[in-house]
N, C-alpha and C. Protein backbone atom coordinates (compact mmCIF):
# COMPACT_ATOMS: atom_id res chain seq x y z
N UNK A 1 -72.84 55.68 -66.04
CA UNK A 1 -72.58 54.51 -66.85
C UNK A 1 -72.65 53.27 -65.96
N UNK A 2 -73.26 52.24 -66.46
CA UNK A 2 -73.41 50.99 -65.69
C UNK A 2 -72.06 50.30 -65.53
N UNK A 3 -71.91 49.63 -64.42
CA UNK A 3 -70.68 48.92 -64.14
C UNK A 3 -71.05 47.48 -63.75
N UNK A 4 -70.26 46.55 -64.22
CA UNK A 4 -70.51 45.16 -63.84
C UNK A 4 -69.30 44.61 -63.11
N UNK A 5 -69.55 43.65 -62.27
CA UNK A 5 -68.49 43.04 -61.48
C UNK A 5 -68.71 41.54 -61.48
N UNK A 6 -67.68 40.82 -61.75
CA UNK A 6 -67.75 39.36 -61.70
C UNK A 6 -66.61 38.84 -60.83
N UNK A 7 -66.92 37.91 -59.97
CA UNK A 7 -65.91 37.25 -59.16
C UNK A 7 -66.09 35.75 -59.36
N UNK A 8 -65.03 35.11 -59.79
CA UNK A 8 -65.06 33.68 -60.04
C UNK A 8 -64.23 33.00 -58.95
N UNK A 9 -64.83 32.04 -58.29
CA UNK A 9 -64.15 31.28 -57.26
C UNK A 9 -63.91 29.87 -57.78
N UNK A 10 -62.72 29.35 -57.55
CA UNK A 10 -62.38 28.00 -57.99
C UNK A 10 -62.00 27.15 -56.79
N UNK A 11 -62.41 25.91 -56.84
CA UNK A 11 -62.04 24.92 -55.83
C UNK A 11 -61.17 23.91 -56.54
N UNK A 12 -59.90 23.95 -56.26
CA UNK A 12 -58.91 23.12 -56.94
C UNK A 12 -58.54 21.94 -56.04
N UNK A 13 -58.55 20.74 -56.60
CA UNK A 13 -58.16 19.55 -55.87
C UNK A 13 -57.13 18.80 -56.71
N UNK A 14 -55.97 18.51 -56.14
CA UNK A 14 -55.03 17.64 -56.83
C UNK A 14 -54.33 16.74 -55.83
N UNK A 15 -53.97 15.54 -56.31
CA UNK A 15 -53.44 14.51 -55.41
C UNK A 15 -51.93 14.38 -55.56
N UNK A 16 -51.36 13.67 -54.60
CA UNK A 16 -49.94 13.37 -54.66
C UNK A 16 -49.71 12.27 -55.70
N UNK A 17 -48.48 12.11 -56.10
CA UNK A 17 -48.15 11.08 -57.08
C UNK A 17 -48.51 9.70 -56.54
N UNK A 18 -49.25 8.96 -57.33
CA UNK A 18 -49.72 7.62 -56.99
C UNK A 18 -50.53 7.60 -55.69
N UNK A 19 -51.13 8.74 -55.36
CA UNK A 19 -51.96 8.90 -54.15
C UNK A 19 -51.21 8.49 -52.88
N UNK A 20 -49.89 8.70 -52.90
CA UNK A 20 -49.07 8.36 -51.75
C UNK A 20 -49.41 9.30 -50.60
N UNK A 21 -49.65 8.81 -49.38
CA UNK A 21 -50.06 9.67 -48.25
C UNK A 21 -48.89 10.50 -47.69
N UNK A 22 -48.47 11.48 -48.45
CA UNK A 22 -47.32 12.31 -48.11
C UNK A 22 -47.61 13.28 -46.97
N UNK A 23 -48.84 13.74 -46.87
CA UNK A 23 -49.19 14.79 -45.90
C UNK A 23 -49.70 14.20 -44.60
N UNK A 24 -48.81 13.60 -43.82
CA UNK A 24 -49.19 13.06 -42.52
C UNK A 24 -48.55 13.85 -41.39
N UNK A 25 -47.39 14.41 -41.63
CA UNK A 25 -46.69 15.21 -40.63
C UNK A 25 -47.27 16.63 -40.64
N UNK A 26 -47.71 17.12 -39.49
CA UNK A 26 -48.35 18.45 -39.42
C UNK A 26 -47.45 19.57 -39.89
N UNK A 27 -46.15 19.47 -39.63
CA UNK A 27 -45.22 20.51 -40.07
C UNK A 27 -45.14 20.55 -41.59
N UNK A 28 -45.10 19.40 -42.23
CA UNK A 28 -45.06 19.33 -43.70
C UNK A 28 -46.35 19.87 -44.28
N UNK A 29 -47.47 19.51 -43.67
CA UNK A 29 -48.78 19.99 -44.14
C UNK A 29 -48.84 21.51 -44.08
N UNK A 30 -48.48 22.07 -42.94
CA UNK A 30 -48.55 23.53 -42.77
C UNK A 30 -47.63 24.25 -43.74
N UNK A 31 -46.41 23.78 -43.87
CA UNK A 31 -45.46 24.42 -44.78
C UNK A 31 -45.93 24.34 -46.24
N UNK A 32 -46.43 23.19 -46.63
CA UNK A 32 -46.91 23.02 -48.01
C UNK A 32 -48.12 23.90 -48.29
N UNK A 33 -49.07 23.94 -47.36
CA UNK A 33 -50.26 24.77 -47.55
C UNK A 33 -49.89 26.25 -47.64
N UNK A 34 -48.99 26.69 -46.78
CA UNK A 34 -48.54 28.10 -46.84
C UNK A 34 -47.83 28.39 -48.16
N UNK A 35 -47.00 27.47 -48.60
CA UNK A 35 -46.26 27.65 -49.84
C UNK A 35 -47.20 27.74 -51.04
N UNK A 36 -48.16 26.82 -51.11
CA UNK A 36 -49.12 26.83 -52.23
C UNK A 36 -50.01 28.07 -52.17
N UNK A 37 -50.42 28.45 -50.98
CA UNK A 37 -51.23 29.66 -50.83
C UNK A 37 -50.48 30.91 -51.27
N UNK A 38 -49.21 30.99 -50.90
CA UNK A 38 -48.39 32.12 -51.32
C UNK A 38 -48.17 32.15 -52.82
N UNK A 39 -47.96 30.99 -53.40
CA UNK A 39 -47.78 30.91 -54.86
C UNK A 39 -49.03 31.37 -55.58
N UNK A 40 -50.17 30.91 -55.11
CA UNK A 40 -51.45 31.28 -55.72
C UNK A 40 -51.67 32.80 -55.61
N UNK A 41 -51.39 33.35 -54.46
CA UNK A 41 -51.56 34.79 -54.25
C UNK A 41 -50.62 35.59 -55.14
N UNK A 42 -49.35 35.13 -55.29
CA UNK A 42 -48.40 35.82 -56.17
C UNK A 42 -48.87 35.83 -57.62
N UNK A 43 -49.66 34.84 -58.00
CA UNK A 43 -50.15 34.76 -59.37
C UNK A 43 -51.44 35.55 -59.57
N UNK A 44 -51.85 36.30 -58.55
CA UNK A 44 -53.01 37.18 -58.68
C UNK A 44 -54.32 36.50 -58.34
N UNK A 45 -54.27 35.39 -57.61
CA UNK A 45 -55.47 34.65 -57.23
C UNK A 45 -55.51 34.53 -55.71
N UNK A 46 -56.16 35.47 -55.03
CA UNK A 46 -56.17 35.47 -53.57
C UNK A 46 -56.81 34.20 -52.99
N UNK A 47 -56.12 33.60 -52.05
CA UNK A 47 -56.56 32.34 -51.45
C UNK A 47 -57.57 32.60 -50.34
N UNK A 48 -58.58 31.77 -50.29
CA UNK A 48 -59.56 31.81 -49.21
C UNK A 48 -59.25 30.72 -48.20
N UNK A 49 -58.96 29.52 -48.67
CA UNK A 49 -58.63 28.42 -47.77
C UNK A 49 -57.79 27.37 -48.50
N UNK A 50 -56.81 26.83 -47.81
CA UNK A 50 -56.01 25.71 -48.31
C UNK A 50 -56.17 24.58 -47.31
N UNK A 51 -56.43 23.38 -47.79
CA UNK A 51 -56.61 22.25 -46.90
C UNK A 51 -56.35 20.95 -47.64
N UNK A 52 -56.83 19.87 -47.07
CA UNK A 52 -56.67 18.58 -47.70
C UNK A 52 -56.49 17.48 -46.67
N UNK A 53 -56.16 16.31 -47.16
CA UNK A 53 -55.89 15.15 -46.30
C UNK A 53 -54.56 14.56 -46.72
N UNK A 54 -54.26 13.35 -46.27
CA UNK A 54 -52.93 12.75 -46.45
C UNK A 54 -52.50 12.62 -47.91
N UNK A 55 -53.44 12.46 -48.83
CA UNK A 55 -53.03 12.19 -50.22
C UNK A 55 -53.51 13.23 -51.23
N UNK A 56 -54.07 14.33 -50.78
CA UNK A 56 -54.43 15.39 -51.73
C UNK A 56 -54.54 16.75 -51.05
N UNK A 57 -54.49 17.78 -51.89
CA UNK A 57 -54.57 19.17 -51.43
C UNK A 57 -55.79 19.82 -52.08
N UNK A 58 -56.46 20.66 -51.33
CA UNK A 58 -57.59 21.43 -51.86
C UNK A 58 -57.30 22.91 -51.63
N UNK A 59 -57.59 23.71 -52.65
CA UNK A 59 -57.39 25.16 -52.54
C UNK A 59 -58.65 25.85 -53.04
N UNK A 60 -59.20 26.73 -52.23
CA UNK A 60 -60.32 27.58 -52.64
C UNK A 60 -59.75 28.98 -52.80
N UNK A 61 -59.93 29.56 -53.98
CA UNK A 61 -59.37 30.88 -54.23
C UNK A 61 -60.24 31.65 -55.21
N UNK A 62 -60.03 32.97 -55.21
CA UNK A 62 -60.72 33.83 -56.17
C UNK A 62 -59.83 33.93 -57.41
N UNK A 63 -60.40 33.59 -58.53
CA UNK A 63 -59.65 33.54 -59.78
C UNK A 63 -59.33 34.95 -60.27
N UNK A 64 -58.06 35.19 -60.58
CA UNK A 64 -57.62 36.50 -61.06
C UNK A 64 -57.89 36.70 -62.54
N UNK A 65 -57.73 37.92 -62.98
CA UNK A 65 -58.01 38.26 -64.38
C UNK A 65 -56.77 38.21 -65.27
N UNK A 66 -55.61 37.98 -64.69
CA UNK A 66 -54.38 38.09 -65.47
C UNK A 66 -53.77 36.75 -65.85
N UNK A 67 -54.42 35.64 -65.52
CA UNK A 67 -53.85 34.32 -65.78
C UNK A 67 -54.95 33.36 -66.20
N UNK A 68 -54.61 32.41 -67.05
CA UNK A 68 -55.59 31.40 -67.44
C UNK A 68 -55.58 30.26 -66.43
N UNK A 69 -56.63 29.47 -66.42
CA UNK A 69 -56.70 28.34 -65.50
C UNK A 69 -55.57 27.36 -65.80
N UNK A 70 -55.31 27.11 -67.07
CA UNK A 70 -54.24 26.17 -67.45
C UNK A 70 -52.88 26.66 -66.96
N UNK A 71 -52.60 27.94 -67.11
CA UNK A 71 -51.31 28.49 -66.66
C UNK A 71 -51.20 28.45 -65.13
N UNK A 72 -52.30 28.74 -64.45
CA UNK A 72 -52.31 28.69 -62.99
C UNK A 72 -52.04 27.26 -62.51
N UNK A 73 -52.72 26.29 -63.10
CA UNK A 73 -52.52 24.88 -62.72
C UNK A 73 -51.08 24.44 -62.99
N UNK A 74 -50.57 24.83 -64.15
CA UNK A 74 -49.20 24.45 -64.50
C UNK A 74 -48.20 24.99 -63.47
N UNK A 75 -48.39 26.24 -63.09
CA UNK A 75 -47.47 26.85 -62.13
C UNK A 75 -47.62 26.23 -60.74
N UNK A 76 -48.84 25.99 -60.29
CA UNK A 76 -49.04 25.38 -58.98
C UNK A 76 -48.48 23.97 -58.92
N UNK A 77 -48.70 23.18 -59.97
CA UNK A 77 -48.16 21.83 -59.99
C UNK A 77 -46.63 21.84 -60.04
N UNK A 78 -46.08 22.78 -60.80
CA UNK A 78 -44.62 22.90 -60.89
C UNK A 78 -44.04 23.28 -59.53
N UNK A 79 -44.64 24.26 -58.90
CA UNK A 79 -44.15 24.72 -57.60
C UNK A 79 -44.34 23.67 -56.51
N UNK A 80 -45.42 22.92 -56.57
CA UNK A 80 -45.69 21.94 -55.52
C UNK A 80 -44.77 20.73 -55.61
N UNK A 81 -44.16 20.52 -56.75
CA UNK A 81 -43.28 19.35 -56.90
C UNK A 81 -41.86 19.63 -56.41
N UNK A 82 -41.57 20.87 -56.03
CA UNK A 82 -40.22 21.21 -55.56
C UNK A 82 -39.97 20.66 -54.18
């Protein structure tokens, strides 16, 4: 029987409130990137790379089959505001 496989990769970019340059301290950047990467992985979307600059974050990940994009975004934005 034939088998098909699909892998969807998403590149997510979101900014800080009012584009405030919050990510200037390397310790804050590293902790935030690890936290967002862990949250994404817990939601079934394995992270490939987390990065960004002073006023935004970028996440490249493989999209999981158990969550919608809207739910993933809602959870990441909720978690990142803590």
